[in-house]
N, C-alpha and C. Protein backbone atom coordinates (compact mmCIF):
# COMPACT_ATOMS: atom_id res chain seq x y z
N UNK A 1 128.36 216.23 70.01
CA UNK A 1 128.22 215.37 68.99
C UNK A 1 128.80 213.96 69.17
N UNK A 2 127.97 212.78 68.91
CA UNK A 2 128.19 211.69 69.05
C UNK A 2 128.23 211.09 67.75
N UNK A 3 128.97 209.75 67.67
CA UNK A 3 129.01 209.29 66.54
C UNK A 3 128.84 207.75 66.79
N UNK A 4 127.77 207.09 66.42
CA UNK A 4 127.65 205.67 66.40
C UNK A 4 127.65 204.91 65.28
N UNK A 5 128.05 203.42 65.80
CA UNK A 5 127.92 202.50 64.69
C UNK A 5 128.00 201.25 65.45
N UNK A 6 128.06 199.96 64.67
CA UNK A 6 128.29 198.52 65.27
C UNK A 6 128.97 197.80 64.22
N UNK A 7 129.82 197.01 64.94
CA UNK A 7 130.58 196.16 64.19
C UNK A 7 130.62 194.76 64.59
N UNK A 8 130.53 193.94 63.53
CA UNK A 8 130.78 192.59 64.17
C UNK A 8 132.01 191.96 64.21
N UNK A 9 132.41 191.40 65.14
CA UNK A 9 133.65 190.66 65.30
C UNK A 9 133.84 189.31 65.51
N UNK A 10 134.47 188.20 64.89
CA UNK A 10 134.01 186.96 65.14
C UNK A 10 135.35 186.04 64.66
N UNK A 11 135.02 184.94 64.71
CA UNK A 11 135.95 184.05 64.23
C UNK A 11 136.17 183.96 62.96
N UNK A 12 135.32 184.61 62.06
CA UNK A 12 135.20 184.56 60.55
C UNK A 12 135.66 185.87 60.31
N UNK A 13 136.91 186.17 60.74
CA UNK A 13 137.24 187.69 60.72
C UNK A 13 138.23 187.93 59.23
N UNK A 14 138.63 189.06 58.96
CA UNK A 14 139.30 189.03 58.02
C UNK A 14 140.61 189.41 57.89
N UNK A 15 141.47 189.84 57.00
CA UNK A 15 143.03 190.10 57.14
C UNK A 15 143.06 191.60 56.93
N UNK A 16 144.14 192.13 57.54
CA UNK A 16 144.64 193.60 57.60
C UNK A 16 145.95 193.34 56.66
N UNK A 17 146.10 194.35 56.11
CA UNK A 17 147.30 194.78 55.20
C UNK A 17 148.67 194.91 56.32
N UNK A 18 149.59 194.30 55.83
CA UNK A 18 150.93 194.48 56.67
C UNK A 18 152.17 194.54 55.68
N UNK A 19 153.03 195.01 56.22
CA UNK A 19 154.21 195.25 55.52
C UNK A 19 155.06 193.87 55.05
N UNK A 20 155.14 193.84 53.79
CA UNK A 20 156.23 192.70 53.74
C UNK A 20 157.05 192.69 52.27
N UNK A 21 157.94 192.26 52.09
CA UNK A 21 159.02 192.28 51.12
C UNK A 21 158.05 192.16 49.70
N UNK A 22 158.63 192.94 48.91
CA UNK A 22 158.13 192.75 47.36
C UNK A 22 158.04 191.33 46.84
N UNK A 23 156.78 190.63 46.48
CA UNK A 23 157.14 189.36 45.86
C UNK A 23 156.83 188.30 47.09
N UNK A 24 156.82 188.51 48.14
CA UNK A 24 156.39 187.59 49.36
C UNK A 24 155.06 187.83 49.89
N UNK A 25 154.23 186.48 50.26
CA UNK A 25 152.87 186.55 51.11
C UNK A 25 153.04 186.20 52.40
N UNK A 26 152.97 187.23 53.49
CA UNK A 26 153.25 186.70 54.79
C UNK A 26 151.92 185.88 55.12
N UNK A 27 152.66 184.91 55.83
CA UNK A 27 151.52 183.98 56.61
C UNK A 27 150.52 184.68 57.47
N UNK A 28 149.07 184.07 57.38
CA UNK A 28 148.06 184.76 58.07
C UNK A 28 146.88 183.61 58.38
N UNK A 29 146.68 183.90 59.68
CA UNK A 29 145.62 182.91 60.00
C UNK A 29 144.14 183.34 59.75
N UNK A 30 143.48 182.37 59.42
CA UNK A 30 142.09 182.46 59.22
C UNK A 30 141.40 181.37 59.76
N UNK A 31 140.16 181.85 60.43
CA UNK A 31 139.22 180.88 61.16
C UNK A 31 137.95 180.46 60.34
N UNK A 32 137.49 179.31 60.14
CA UNK A 32 136.17 179.21 59.44
C UNK A 32 135.12 178.84 60.38
N UNK A 33 135.42 179.18 61.54
CA UNK A 33 134.11 178.87 62.54
C UNK A 33 133.37 179.97 62.49
N UNK A 34 132.42 180.08 63.38
CA UNK A 34 131.40 181.40 62.71
C UNK A 34 130.84 182.17 64.10
N UNK A 35 131.31 182.08 65.46
CA UNK A 35 130.98 182.72 66.53
C UNK A 35 131.58 184.12 66.25
N UNK A 36 130.41 185.15 66.95
CA UNK A 36 130.56 186.07 66.80
C UNK A 36 130.00 187.19 68.09
N UNK A 37 130.42 188.45 67.91
CA UNK A 37 129.74 189.39 68.78
C UNK A 37 129.65 190.77 68.10
N UNK A 38 128.73 191.49 68.62
CA UNK A 38 128.61 192.97 67.66
C UNK A 38 129.09 194.08 68.92
N UNK A 39 130.14 194.74 68.47
CA UNK A 39 130.54 196.15 69.30
C UNK A 39 129.73 197.07 68.75
N UNK A 40 128.92 197.55 69.58
CA UNK A 40 127.90 198.76 69.44
C UNK A 40 129.09 199.89 70.27
N UNK A 41 129.62 200.66 69.29
CA UNK A 41 130.08 201.97 69.95
C UNK A 41 130.20 203.13 69.50
N UNK A 42 130.30 204.32 70.40
CA UNK A 42 130.18 205.49 69.90
C UNK A 42 131.18 206.38 70.34
N UNK A 43 131.56 207.66 69.86
CA UNK A 43 132.75 208.82 70.43
C UNK A 43 132.15 210.05 70.22
N UNK A 44 132.72 210.59 71.16
CA UNK A 44 132.31 212.07 71.35
C UNK A 44 134.02 212.81 70.97
N UNK A 45 134.02 213.10 69.73
CA UNK A 45 135.31 213.38 69.49
C UNK A 45 135.86 214.90 70.41
N UNK A 46 134.75 215.95 70.21
CA UNK A 46 135.01 217.05 71.05
C UNK A 46 135.76 216.91 72.67
N UNK A 47 135.21 215.81 73.09
CA UNK A 47 135.43 215.21 74.64
C UNK A 47 136.53 214.50 74.56
N UNK A 48 136.75 213.62 73.70
CA UNK A 48 137.49 212.76 73.41
C UNK A 48 137.28 211.28 74.59
N UNK A 49 136.00 210.89 74.39
CA UNK A 49 135.37 209.90 75.18
C UNK A 49 134.44 209.01 74.04
N UNK A 50 134.32 207.90 74.76
CA UNK A 50 133.70 206.68 74.11
C UNK A 50 132.85 206.13 74.81
N UNK A 51 131.94 205.39 74.62
CA UNK A 51 130.98 204.74 75.07
C UNK A 51 130.95 203.19 74.35
N UNK A 52 130.73 202.08 74.71
CA UNK A 52 130.15 200.83 73.78
C UNK A 52 129.55 199.82 75.12
N UNK A 53 129.13 199.00 74.24
CA UNK A 53 128.71 197.65 74.64
C UNK A 53 128.88 196.63 73.67
N UNK A 54 129.00 195.33 74.37
CA UNK A 54 129.10 194.16 73.40
C UNK A 54 127.96 193.43 73.42
N UNK A 55 127.37 193.04 72.57
CA UNK A 55 126.28 192.30 72.32
C UNK A 55 126.25 191.00 71.70
N UNK A 56 125.15 189.73 71.83
CA UNK A 56 125.34 188.84 70.84
C UNK A 56 124.67 188.87 69.62
N UNK A 57 123.72 190.27 69.44
CA UNK A 57 123.21 190.28 68.39
C UNK A 57 122.86 192.07 68.32
N UNK A 58 122.30 192.59 66.95
CA UNK A 58 122.15 193.98 67.14
C UNK A 58 120.68 194.03 66.90
N UNK A 59 119.82 194.80 67.70
CA UNK A 59 118.44 194.99 67.80
C UNK A 59 118.05 196.20 68.30
N UNK A 60 116.84 196.34 68.45
CA UNK A 60 116.44 197.49 69.24
C UNK A 60 116.83 197.50 70.85
N UNK A 61 116.69 196.34 71.53
CA UNK A 61 116.88 196.47 72.36
C UNK A 61 118.35 196.49 72.90
N UNK A 62 119.18 196.23 72.12
CA UNK A 62 120.73 196.45 72.27
C UNK A 62 120.78 197.73 72.15
N UNK A 63 120.35 198.50 70.81
CA UNK A 63 120.52 199.78 70.63
C UNK A 63 120.06 200.58 72.00
N UNK A 64 119.10 200.28 72.50
CA UNK A 64 118.46 200.88 73.57
C UNK A 64 119.32 200.79 74.90
N UNK A 65 120.25 199.55 75.21
CA UNK A 65 121.10 199.44 76.25
C UNK A 65 122.20 200.46 75.65
N UNK A 66 122.79 200.42 74.36
CA UNK A 66 124.26 201.39 74.09
C UNK A 66 123.43 202.82 74.28
N UNK A 67 122.27 203.26 73.83
CA UNK A 67 122.14 204.65 74.17
C UNK A 67 122.00 204.91 75.49
N UNK A 68 121.53 203.79 76.40
CA UNK A 68 121.60 204.42 77.75
C UNK A 68 123.13 204.49 78.31
N UNK A 69 123.78 203.66 77.72
CA UNK A 69 125.46 203.82 77.98
C UNK A 69 126.13 205.07 77.53
N UNK A 70 125.56 205.89 76.35
CA UNK A 70 125.94 206.91 75.83
C UNK A 70 125.44 208.01 76.81
N UNK A 71 123.96 207.90 77.26
CA UNK A 71 123.42 208.95 77.93
C UNK A 71 124.28 209.15 79.26
N UNK A 72 124.83 207.69 79.85
CA UNK A 72 125.64 208.09 81.09
C UNK A 72 126.75 208.69 80.93
N UNK A 73 127.23 208.64 79.61
CA UNK A 73 128.76 209.62 79.37
C UNK A 73 128.38 210.98 78.93
N UNK A 74 127.38 211.28 78.77
CA UNK A 74 127.03 212.60 78.38
C UNK A 74 127.56 213.76 79.42
N UNK A 75 128.17 214.84 79.04
CA UNK A 75 128.38 215.82 80.40
C UNK A 75 127.20 216.25 81.18
N UNK A 76 127.25 216.63 82.04
CA UNK A 76 126.06 217.14 83.00
C UNK A 76 125.58 218.38 82.32
N UNK A 77 124.10 218.24 82.52
CA UNK A 77 123.23 219.32 81.78
C UNK A 77 123.53 219.45 80.12
N UNK A 78 124.22 218.51 79.47
CA UNK A 78 124.57 218.70 78.29
C UNK A 78 123.41 217.60 77.52
N UNK A 79 123.09 217.87 76.00
CA UNK A 79 122.26 216.84 75.30
C UNK A 79 123.08 216.37 74.32
N UNK A 80 123.20 215.07 73.94
CA UNK A 80 123.95 214.57 72.89
C UNK A 80 122.88 214.08 71.91
N UNK A 81 123.79 214.68 70.70
CA UNK A 81 123.00 214.49 69.51
C UNK A 81 123.93 213.35 68.53
N UNK A 82 123.46 212.13 68.63
CA UNK A 82 123.83 210.99 68.23
C UNK A 82 123.82 210.52 66.66
N UNK A 83 124.87 210.53 66.10
CA UNK A 83 124.88 210.54 64.38
C UNK A 83 124.88 208.83 64.10
N UNK A 84 124.12 208.52 63.53
CA UNK A 84 123.80 206.98 63.20
C UNK A 84 123.34 206.72 61.75
N UNK A 85 123.29 205.48 61.45
CA UNK A 85 123.03 205.37 59.91
C UNK A 85 121.39 204.73 60.21
N UNK A 86 120.95 204.65 59.14
CA UNK A 86 119.14 204.33 59.11
C UNK A 86 119.17 202.79 59.32
N UNK A 87 119.72 201.95 60.05
CA UNK A 87 119.47 200.80 60.22
C UNK A 87 118.01 200.55 61.19
N UNK A 88 117.28 199.69 60.96
CA UNK A 88 116.03 199.62 61.24
C UNK A 88 116.03 199.44 63.03
N UNK A 89 116.94 199.34 63.67
CA UNK A 89 116.78 199.41 65.34
C UNK A 89 117.27 200.74 65.33
N UNK A 90 117.86 201.65 64.63
CA UNK A 90 117.87 203.02 65.20
C UNK A 90 116.67 203.74 65.10
N UNK A 91 115.21 203.22 64.65
CA UNK A 91 114.34 204.19 64.72
C UNK A 91 113.72 204.08 66.06
N UNK A 92 113.55 205.47 66.55
CA UNK A 92 112.70 205.61 67.88
C UNK A 92 111.02 205.11 67.60
N UNK A 93 110.94 205.00 68.76
CA UNK A 93 109.51 204.19 68.51
C UNK A 93 109.12 203.44 69.94
N UNK A 94 107.75 202.29 69.60
CA UNK A 94 107.93 201.47 70.79
C UNK A 94 108.92 200.49 71.28
N UNK A 95 109.82 200.01 70.38
CA UNK A 95 110.79 199.16 70.59
C UNK A 95 112.17 200.20 71.02
N UNK A 96 112.10 201.33 70.40
CA UNK A 96 113.47 201.71 70.88
C UNK A 96 113.01 203.42 71.29
N UNK A 97 113.48 203.27 73.02
CA UNK A 97 113.04 204.55 73.52
C UNK A 97 114.33 205.15 73.74
N UNK A 98 114.15 206.68 73.47
CA UNK A 98 115.62 207.46 73.75
C UNK A 98 115.64 208.03 75.27
N UNK A 99 116.93 207.91 75.77
CA UNK A 99 117.02 208.84 76.82
C UNK A 99 116.72 210.28 76.73
N UNK A 100 116.45 210.70 77.90
CA UNK A 100 116.06 212.08 77.92
C UNK A 100 117.17 213.11 77.24
N UNK A 101 118.31 212.63 77.45
CA UNK A 101 119.54 213.67 77.13
C UNK A 101 120.26 213.22 75.80
N UNK A 102 119.47 212.56 74.70
CA UNK A 102 119.81 211.80 73.74
C UNK A 102 119.08 211.98 72.61
N UNK A 103 119.35 212.70 71.40
CA UNK A 103 118.57 212.70 69.92
C UNK A 103 119.60 212.00 69.03
N UNK A 104 118.66 211.45 68.10
CA UNK A 104 119.21 210.87 67.09
C UNK A 104 119.21 211.76 65.90
N UNK A 105 120.32 211.47 64.81
CA UNK A 105 120.44 212.40 63.52
C UNK A 105 120.94 211.23 62.73
N UNK A 106 119.94 210.72 61.70
CA UNK A 106 120.16 209.57 61.01
C UNK A 106 120.89 210.09 59.57
N UNK A 107 121.84 209.42 59.12
CA UNK A 107 122.63 210.22 58.15
C UNK A 107 121.85 209.24 56.77
N UNK A 108 122.12 210.06 55.70
CA UNK A 108 121.47 209.69 54.41
C UNK A 108 121.84 207.96 54.18
N UNK A 109 121.06 207.56 53.38
CA UNK A 109 121.44 206.35 52.95
C UNK A 109 123.09 206.17 51.95
N UNK A 110 123.50 205.30 52.26
CA UNK A 110 124.83 204.91 51.49
C UNK A 110 125.75 205.79 51.68
N UNK A 111 126.10 206.48 52.88
CA UNK A 111 127.16 207.87 53.13
C UNK A 111 127.84 207.24 54.29
N UNK A 112 128.65 206.09 54.07
CA UNK A 112 129.23 205.87 55.35
C UNK A 112 130.64 206.66 55.63
N UNK A 113 131.20 207.26 54.99
CA UNK A 113 132.22 208.23 54.84
C UNK A 113 131.89 209.42 55.72
N UNK A 114 130.29 209.68 55.94
CA UNK A 114 130.00 210.91 56.98
C UNK A 114 130.16 210.18 58.42
N UNK A 115 130.59 208.88 58.96
CA UNK A 115 130.41 208.35 60.25
C UNK A 115 131.87 208.39 60.48
N UNK A 116 132.63 208.90 61.27
CA UNK A 116 133.90 208.59 61.99
C UNK A 116 134.06 207.46 62.47
N UNK A 117 132.75 206.35 62.83
CA UNK A 117 132.76 205.52 63.84
C UNK A 117 133.39 204.26 62.66
N UNK A 118 133.09 204.38 61.42
CA UNK A 118 133.69 203.50 60.35
C UNK A 118 135.41 203.50 60.37
N UNK A 119 135.98 204.76 60.57
CA UNK A 119 137.46 204.95 60.64
C UNK A 119 137.83 204.18 61.75
N UNK A 120 136.75 204.32 63.04
CA UNK A 120 137.25 203.72 64.39
C UNK A 120 137.08 202.15 63.93
N UNK A 121 136.52 201.44 63.42
CA UNK A 121 136.38 200.23 63.13
C UNK A 121 137.60 199.65 62.24
N UNK A 122 137.85 200.52 61.22
CA UNK A 122 138.74 200.07 60.59
C UNK A 122 140.37 200.22 61.20
N UNK A 123 140.35 200.85 62.04
CA UNK A 123 141.57 201.42 62.95
C UNK A 123 141.77 200.16 63.75
N UNK A 124 140.71 200.04 64.55
CA UNK A 124 140.62 198.80 65.19
C UNK A 124 141.12 197.38 64.72
N UNK A 125 140.31 197.56 63.69
CA UNK A 125 140.68 195.79 63.21
C UNK A 125 141.99 195.77 62.51
N UNK A 126 142.71 196.84 61.92
CA UNK A 126 143.93 196.67 61.32
C UNK A 126 144.97 196.65 62.79
N UNK A 127 144.41 197.17 63.97
CA UNK A 127 145.53 197.25 65.07
C UNK A 127 145.26 196.43 66.16
N UNK A 128 144.21 195.86 66.20
CA UNK A 128 144.05 195.21 67.20
C UNK A 128 143.15 193.77 66.99
N UNK A 129 142.04 193.88 66.14
CA UNK A 129 141.56 192.44 65.79
C UNK A 129 141.67 191.75 64.43
N UNK A 130 142.60 191.99 63.84
CA UNK A 130 142.82 191.10 62.67
C UNK A 130 143.89 190.12 62.69
N UNK A 131 143.84 189.06 61.89
CA UNK A 131 144.95 188.35 61.92
C UNK A 131 144.82 187.78 63.00
N UNK A 132 143.88 187.03 63.99
CA UNK A 132 143.80 186.38 65.04
C UNK A 132 142.82 185.34 65.04
N UNK A 133 142.87 184.31 65.70
CA UNK A 133 141.92 182.93 65.95
C UNK A 133 141.78 183.03 67.28
N UNK A 134 140.42 183.53 67.48
CA UNK A 134 139.66 183.07 69.02
C UNK A 134 139.37 181.74 69.35
N UNK A 135 139.66 181.14 70.39
CA UNK A 135 139.28 179.60 70.57
C UNK A 135 137.60 179.64 71.20
N UNK A 136 137.28 180.62 71.78
CA UNK A 136 136.05 180.58 72.69
C UNK A 136 135.28 182.01 72.19
N UNK A 137 133.96 182.00 72.28
CA UNK A 137 133.49 183.25 72.71
C UNK A 137 133.72 184.32 73.55
N UNK A 138 134.23 183.74 74.83
CA UNK A 138 134.92 184.69 75.64
C UNK A 138 135.95 185.44 75.36
N UNK A 139 136.89 184.29 74.49
CA UNK A 139 138.22 185.14 74.03
C UNK A 139 137.62 186.57 72.91
N UNK A 140 136.50 186.18 72.29
CA UNK A 140 136.21 187.24 71.52
C UNK A 140 135.51 188.35 72.14
N UNK A 141 134.96 188.22 73.38
CA UNK A 141 134.53 189.38 74.38
C UNK A 141 135.53 190.08 74.78
N UNK A 142 136.80 189.35 75.23
CA UNK A 142 137.87 189.78 75.73
C UNK A 142 138.59 190.46 74.66
N UNK A 143 138.64 190.22 73.74
CA UNK A 143 139.58 190.70 72.63
C UNK A 143 138.95 192.10 72.05
N UNK A 144 137.50 192.10 72.15
CA UNK A 144 136.47 193.31 71.89
C UNK A 144 137.01 194.33 72.86
N UNK A 145 136.79 193.92 74.35
CA UNK A 145 136.79 194.87 75.36
C UNK A 145 138.29 195.26 75.62
N UNK A 146 139.41 194.92 74.79
CA UNK A 146 140.60 195.24 74.87
C UNK A 146 140.94 196.07 73.91
N UNK A 147 140.06 196.15 72.85
CA UNK A 147 140.32 196.75 71.71
C UNK A 147 139.49 198.30 72.26
N UNK A 148 138.69 198.13 72.81
CA UNK A 148 138.10 199.52 73.10
C UNK A 148 138.76 199.92 74.08
N UNK A 149 139.18 199.66 74.90
CA UNK A 149 139.91 200.09 76.11
C UNK A 149 140.91 200.67 75.41
N UNK A 150 141.80 200.44 74.59
CA UNK A 150 143.06 200.70 73.45
C UNK A 150 142.41 202.33 73.07
N UNK A 151 141.68 201.92 72.34
CA UNK A 151 140.85 203.45 72.04
C UNK A 151 140.88 204.35 72.84
N UNK A 152 139.75 203.95 73.56
CA UNK A 152 139.37 205.18 74.75
C UNK A 152 140.54 205.83 75.76
N UNK A 153 141.62 204.49 76.17
CA UNK A 153 142.47 205.42 77.23
C UNK A 153 143.45 206.23 76.37
N UNK A 154 143.18 206.57 75.30
CA UNK A 154 143.79 207.81 74.85
C UNK A 154 143.10 208.69 74.10
N UNK A 155 142.41 209.67 74.75
CA UNK A 155 141.56 210.96 74.16
C UNK A 155 141.91 211.30 73.01
N UNK A 156 143.35 211.84 73.14
CA UNK A 156 143.98 212.31 71.82
C UNK A 156 143.55 211.27 70.38
N UNK A 157 143.41 210.03 70.73
CA UNK A 157 143.29 209.13 69.62
C UNK A 157 141.84 209.40 69.01
N UNK A 158 141.01 209.28 70.03
CA UNK A 158 139.73 209.64 69.49
C UNK A 158 139.30 211.09 68.67
N UNK A 159 140.04 211.97 69.20
CA UNK A 159 139.79 213.49 68.87
C UNK A 159 140.20 213.43 67.49
N UNK A 160 141.50 212.78 67.20
CA UNK A 160 142.20 212.71 65.64
C UNK A 160 141.59 211.65 64.48
N UNK A 161 141.36 210.61 65.29
CA UNK A 161 140.34 209.94 64.35
C UNK A 161 138.94 210.40 63.67
N UNK A 162 138.33 210.93 65.18
CA UNK A 162 136.84 211.62 65.22
C UNK A 162 136.95 212.76 64.76
N UNK A 163 137.38 213.67 64.55
CA UNK A 163 137.08 215.21 64.38
C UNK A 163 137.19 215.26 62.77
N UNK A 164 135.80 216.05 62.40
CA UNK A 164 135.41 216.42 61.54
C UNK A 164 135.27 218.28 61.31
N UNK A 165 135.81 218.94 60.70
CA UNK A 165 135.74 220.10 60.51
C UNK A 165 134.32 220.70 60.24
N UNK A 166 133.59 220.08 59.57
CA UNK A 166 132.22 220.25 58.89
C UNK A 166 131.49 220.08 59.84
N UNK A 167 131.84 219.36 61.02
CA UNK A 167 130.73 218.75 61.99
C UNK A 167 131.10 219.35 63.32
N UNK A 168 130.95 220.58 63.64
CA UNK A 168 130.94 221.33 64.94
C UNK A 168 130.00 221.87 65.37
N UNK A 169 129.88 221.89 66.67
CA UNK A 169 128.63 222.30 67.53
C UNK A 169 129.28 223.52 68.56
N UNK A 170 128.86 225.08 68.16
CA UNK A 170 129.26 226.13 68.83
C UNK A 170 128.17 226.32 70.06
N UNK A 171 128.23 226.96 71.12
CA UNK A 171 127.41 227.23 72.14
C UNK A 171 127.85 227.73 73.17
């Protein structure tokens, strides 16, 4: 099982919670420019691996590229069940062709708590992508790549964040 989702990362970012003495407001930076990228990511907690691409926009073409990236990471002879939300670009058809070793399982509407990738995004934002100002588009790309490497270089981190006891496949 793989879990997939997209996250927008950019100059108009958000703040993360930080420890500070009671009654103080720690200084934080906020950028009002609007450059951003979309990080399409997926994790397989059972194997402790992830696959991601960074795109300027999300659409069926970007999703197709992402599915090909996931397909390349699937264990030889295995088939990936990719859990995703019901976004329009996740609908197989003329615009979105699925690789032979990938199937999609769409979550019910308004159920982000069922997708561990939501926790991955919160984790990466609070640990790697918050309270920063990027000067250029390339800086945003580099920060996303660094954050994803931070996640995927530790398979136990992926297993810990992504494991769901109710979502196991035995065989």
